[in-house]
């Protein structure tokens, strides 16, 4: 997760720097804090859904991990969207979804269990 965070910082730097600088300079528009959070949510959602539908994020490739549905196939768009939406409270609520993996018999995160996905070795 730490390595994924480092990559996400780079992704966010690119998607913030260029579009928001152009928007500010050319149109004179500066987004408020709430709109910036919506922007981050959408950008991260696009990043994760794109990569998870292919089975791996950039960090997962490095560690030779894959995201699969419980039947072993690539996850559906519905499953990846559900995983993304459920991962937010899973992390924000004191990491309860991550701690869940310690207690889960299959070592799955709570959001994986609920979305019908699992992380496997590739």
C-alpha atoms as a PDB file:
ATOM      1  CA  UNK A   1       0.000   0.000   0.000  1.00  0.00           C
ATOM      2  CA  UNK A   2       2.915   2.323   0.703  1.00  0.00           C
ATOM      3  CA  UNK A   3       4.319   1.829  -2.792  1.00  0.00           C
ATOM      4  CA  UNK A   4       0.862   2.350  -4.300  1.00  0.00           C
ATOM      5  CA  UNK A   5       0.615   5.621  -2.350  1.00  0.00           C
ATOM      6  CA  UNK A   6       3.909   6.859  -3.792  1.00  0.00           C
ATOM      7  CA  UNK A   7       2.688   6.138  -7.318  1.00  0.00           C
ATOM      8  CA  UNK A   8      -0.638   7.842  -6.595  1.00  0.00           C
ATOM      9  CA  UNK A   9       1.183  10.975  -5.435  1.00  0.00           C
ATOM     10  CA  UNK A  10       2.877  11.100  -8.840  1.00  0.00           C
ATOM     11  CA  UNK A  11      -0.435  10.513 -10.643  1.00  0.00           C
ATOM     12  CA  UNK A  12      -2.147  13.234  -8.611  1.00  0.00           C
ATOM     13  CA  UNK A  13       0.756  15.633  -9.197  1.00  0.00           C
ATOM     14  CA  UNK A  14       0.332  15.253 -12.957  1.00  0.00           C
ATOM     15  CA  UNK A  15      -3.463  15.552 -12.988  1.00  0.00           C
ATOM     16  CA  UNK A  16      -3.431  18.507 -10.621  1.00  0.00           C
ATOM     17  CA  UNK A  17      -0.500  20.429 -11.987  1.00  0.00           C
ATOM     18  CA  UNK A  18      -1.399  20.675 -15.638  1.00  0.00           C
ATOM     19  CA  UNK A  19      -5.215  20.936 -15.771  1.00  0.00           C
ATOM     20  CA  UNK A  20      -5.696  23.041 -12.668  1.00  0.00           C
ATOM     21  CA  UNK A  21      -2.852  25.398 -13.560  1.00  0.00           C
ATOM     22  CA  UNK A  22      -4.308  25.897 -17.032  1.00  0.00           C
ATOM     23  CA  UNK A  23      -7.792  26.330 -15.580  1.00  0.00           C
ATOM     24  CA  UNK A  24      -6.490  28.927 -13.124  1.00  0.00           C
ATOM     25  CA  UNK A  25      -4.317  30.862 -15.568  1.00  0.00           C
ATOM     26  CA  UNK A  26      -6.529  30.786 -18.669  1.00  0.00           C
ATOM     27  CA  UNK A  27     -10.005  30.911 -17.139  1.00  0.00           C
ATOM     28  CA  UNK A  28      -9.143  32.462 -13.783  1.00  0.00           C
ATOM     29  CA  UNK A  29     -11.041  29.679 -12.018  1.00  0.00           C
ATOM     30  CA  UNK A  30      -9.810  28.192  -8.766  1.00  0.00           C
ATOM     31  CA  UNK A  31     -11.638  25.152  -7.417  1.00  0.00           C
ATOM     32  CA  UNK A  32     -12.775  25.190  -3.800  1.00  0.00           C
ATOM     33  CA  UNK A  33     -11.745  22.521  -1.304  1.00  0.00           C
ATOM     34  CA  UNK A  34     -14.903  20.451  -1.745  1.00  0.00           C
ATOM     35  CA  UNK A  35     -14.547  20.408  -5.543  1.00  0.00           C
ATOM     36  CA  UNK A  36     -10.899  19.409  -5.217  1.00  0.00           C
ATOM     37  CA  UNK A  37     -11.937  16.378  -3.133  1.00  0.00           C
ATOM     38  CA  UNK A  38     -14.504  15.430  -5.756  1.00  0.00           C
ATOM     39  CA  UNK A  39     -11.787  15.794  -8.395  1.00  0.00           C
ATOM     40  CA  UNK A  40      -9.411  13.558  -6.396  1.00  0.00           C
ATOM     41  CA  UNK A  41     -12.159  10.961  -5.894  1.00  0.00           C
ATOM     42  CA  UNK A  42     -12.890  10.866  -9.644  1.00  0.00           C
ATOM     43  CA  UNK A  43      -9.231  10.797 -10.712  1.00  0.00           C
ATOM     44  CA  UNK A  44      -8.337   8.017  -8.270  1.00  0.00           C
ATOM     45  CA  UNK A  45     -11.477   6.126  -9.246  1.00  0.00           C
ATOM     46  CA  UNK A  46     -10.525   6.313 -12.918  1.00  0.00           C
ATOM     47  CA  UNK A  47      -6.977   5.157 -12.124  1.00  0.00           C
ATOM     48  CA  UNK A  48      -8.047   2.197 -10.013  1.00  0.00           C
ATOM     49  CA  UNK A  49     -10.986   1.084 -12.154  1.00  0.00           C
ATOM     50  CA  UNK A  50      -8.865   1.183 -15.305  1.00  0.00           C
ATOM     51  CA  UNK A  51      -6.037  -0.838 -13.783  1.00  0.00           C
ATOM     52  CA  UNK A  52      -8.153  -3.237 -11.727  1.00  0.00           C
ATOM     53  CA  UNK A  53     -10.203  -4.163 -14.807  1.00  0.00           C
ATOM     54  CA  UNK A  54      -6.884  -5.265 -16.326  1.00  0.00           C
ATOM     55  CA  UNK A  55      -6.011  -7.144 -13.136  1.00  0.00           C
ATOM     56  CA  UNK A  56      -3.149  -5.025 -11.780  1.00  0.00           C
ATOM     57  CA  UNK A  57      -2.198  -1.512 -10.789  1.00  0.00           C
ATOM     58  CA  UNK A  58       1.370  -0.349 -11.375  1.00  0.00           C
ATOM     59  CA  UNK A  59       2.333  -1.225  -7.809  1.00  0.00           C
ATOM     60  CA  UNK A  60       0.651  -4.639  -8.040  1.00  0.00           C
ATOM     61  CA  UNK A  61       2.763  -5.434 -11.118  1.00  0.00           C
ATOM     62  CA  UNK A  62       5.912  -4.708  -9.150  1.00  0.00           C
ATOM     63  CA  UNK A  63       4.905  -7.078  -6.351  1.00  0.00           C
ATOM     64  CA  UNK A  64       3.444  -9.662  -8.788  1.00  0.00           C
ATOM     65  CA  UNK A  65      -0.062  -9.395  -7.396  1.00  0.00           C
ATOM     66  CA  UNK A  66      -3.318  -9.562  -9.334  1.00  0.00           C
ATOM     67  CA  UNK A  67      -6.896  -8.648  -8.615  1.00  0.00           C
ATOM     68  CA  UNK A  68      -9.333 -11.394  -9.581  1.00  0.00           C
ATOM     69  CA  UNK A  69     -12.971 -12.105  -8.967  1.00  0.00           C
ATOM     70  CA  UNK A  70     -13.673 -15.002  -6.623  1.00  0.00           C
ATOM     71  CA  UNK A  71     -14.144 -17.293  -9.657  1.00  0.00           C
ATOM     72  CA  UNK A  72     -10.601 -16.497 -10.884  1.00  0.00           C
ATOM     73  CA  UNK A  73     -11.558 -14.257 -13.806  1.00  0.00           C
ATOM     74  CA  UNK A  74     -10.744 -10.586 -14.239  1.00  0.00           C
ATOM     75  CA  UNK A  75     -13.120  -8.528 -12.110  1.00  0.00           C
ATOM     76  CA  UNK A  76     -16.129  -6.893 -13.727  1.00  0.00           C
ATOM     77  CA  UNK A  77     -16.653  -3.145 -13.845  1.00  0.00           C
ATOM     78  CA  UNK A  78     -19.325  -3.549 -11.175  1.00  0.00           C
ATOM     79  CA  UNK A  79     -16.911  -5.412  -8.895  1.00  0.00           C
ATOM     80  CA  UNK A  80     -14.105  -2.897  -9.356  1.00  0.00           C
ATOM     81  CA  UNK A  81     -16.467   0.034  -8.773  1.00  0.00           C
ATOM     82  CA  UNK A  82     -17.835  -1.624  -5.641  1.00  0.00           C
ATOM     83  CA  UNK A  83     -14.306  -2.381  -4.431  1.00  0.00           C
ATOM     84  CA  UNK A  84     -13.278   1.246  -4.981  1.00  0.00           C
ATOM     85  CA  UNK A  85     -16.329   2.675  -3.204  1.00  0.00           C
ATOM     86  CA  UNK A  86     -15.998   0.255  -0.274  1.00  0.00           C
ATOM     87  CA  UNK A  87     -12.243   0.803   0.059  1.00  0.00           C
ATOM     88  CA  UNK A  88     -12.752   4.430   1.125  1.00  0.00           C
ATOM     89  CA  UNK A  89     -14.655   3.718   4.359  1.00  0.00           C
ATOM     90  CA  UNK A  90     -12.514   0.612   4.808  1.00  0.00           C
ATOM     91  CA  UNK A  91      -9.428   2.837   5.021  1.00  0.00           C
ATOM     92  CA  UNK A  92     -10.896   6.003   6.516  1.00  0.00           C
ATOM     93  CA  UNK A  93     -12.627   4.275   9.441  1.00  0.00           C
ATOM     94  CA  UNK A  94      -9.360   3.632  11.280  1.00  0.00           C
ATOM     95  CA  UNK A  95      -8.327   1.069   8.672  1.00  0.00           C
ATOM     96  CA  UNK A  96     -10.971  -1.410   9.826  1.00  0.00           C
ATOM     97  CA  UNK A  97     -11.119  -3.050   6.377  1.00  0.00           C
ATOM     98  CA  UNK A  98      -7.376  -3.593   6.420  1.00  0.00           C
ATOM     99  CA  UNK A  99      -7.377  -4.924   9.975  1.00  0.00           C
ATOM    100  CA  UNK A 100     -10.187  -7.248   8.869  1.00  0.00           C
ATOM    101  CA  UNK A 101      -7.646  -9.124   6.708  1.00  0.00           C
ATOM    102  CA  UNK A 102      -5.756 -10.195   9.825  1.00  0.00           C
ATOM    103  CA  UNK A 103      -8.882 -11.871  11.191  1.00  0.00           C
ATOM    104  CA  UNK A 104     -10.295 -13.157   7.880  1.00  0.00           C
ATOM    105  CA  UNK A 105      -9.714 -16.861   7.245  1.00  0.00           C
ATOM    106  CA  UNK A 106      -8.689 -16.160   3.606  1.00  0.00           C
ATOM    107  CA  UNK A 107      -6.738 -12.992   4.530  1.00  0.00           C
ATOM    108  CA  UNK A 108      -9.035 -10.860   2.368  1.00  0.00           C
ATOM    109  CA  UNK A 109      -9.672  -7.176   2.957  1.00  0.00           C
ATOM    110  CA  UNK A 110     -13.237  -6.340   3.923  1.00  0.00           C
ATOM    111  CA  UNK A 111     -13.833  -4.432   0.680  1.00  0.00           C
ATOM    112  CA  UNK A 112     -12.594  -7.457  -1.320  1.00  0.00           C
ATOM    113  CA  UNK A 113     -14.866  -9.794   0.590  1.00  0.00           C
ATOM    114  CA  UNK A 114     -17.888  -7.546  -0.060  1.00  0.00           C
ATOM    115  CA  UNK A 115     -17.029  -6.845  -3.727  1.00  0.00           C
ATOM    116  CA  UNK A 116     -16.406 -10.499  -4.585  1.00  0.00           C
ATOM    117  CA  UNK A 117     -12.752  -9.934  -5.457  1.00  0.00           C
ATOM    118  CA  UNK A 118      -9.450 -11.184  -4.102  1.00  0.00           C
ATOM    119  CA  UNK A 119      -5.751 -10.376  -4.470  1.00  0.00           C
ATOM    120  CA  UNK A 120      -3.695 -13.304  -5.760  1.00  0.00           C
ATOM    121  CA  UNK A 121      -0.077 -13.944  -6.716  1.00  0.00           C
ATOM    122  CA  UNK A 122       0.497 -13.775 -10.455  1.00  0.00           C
END
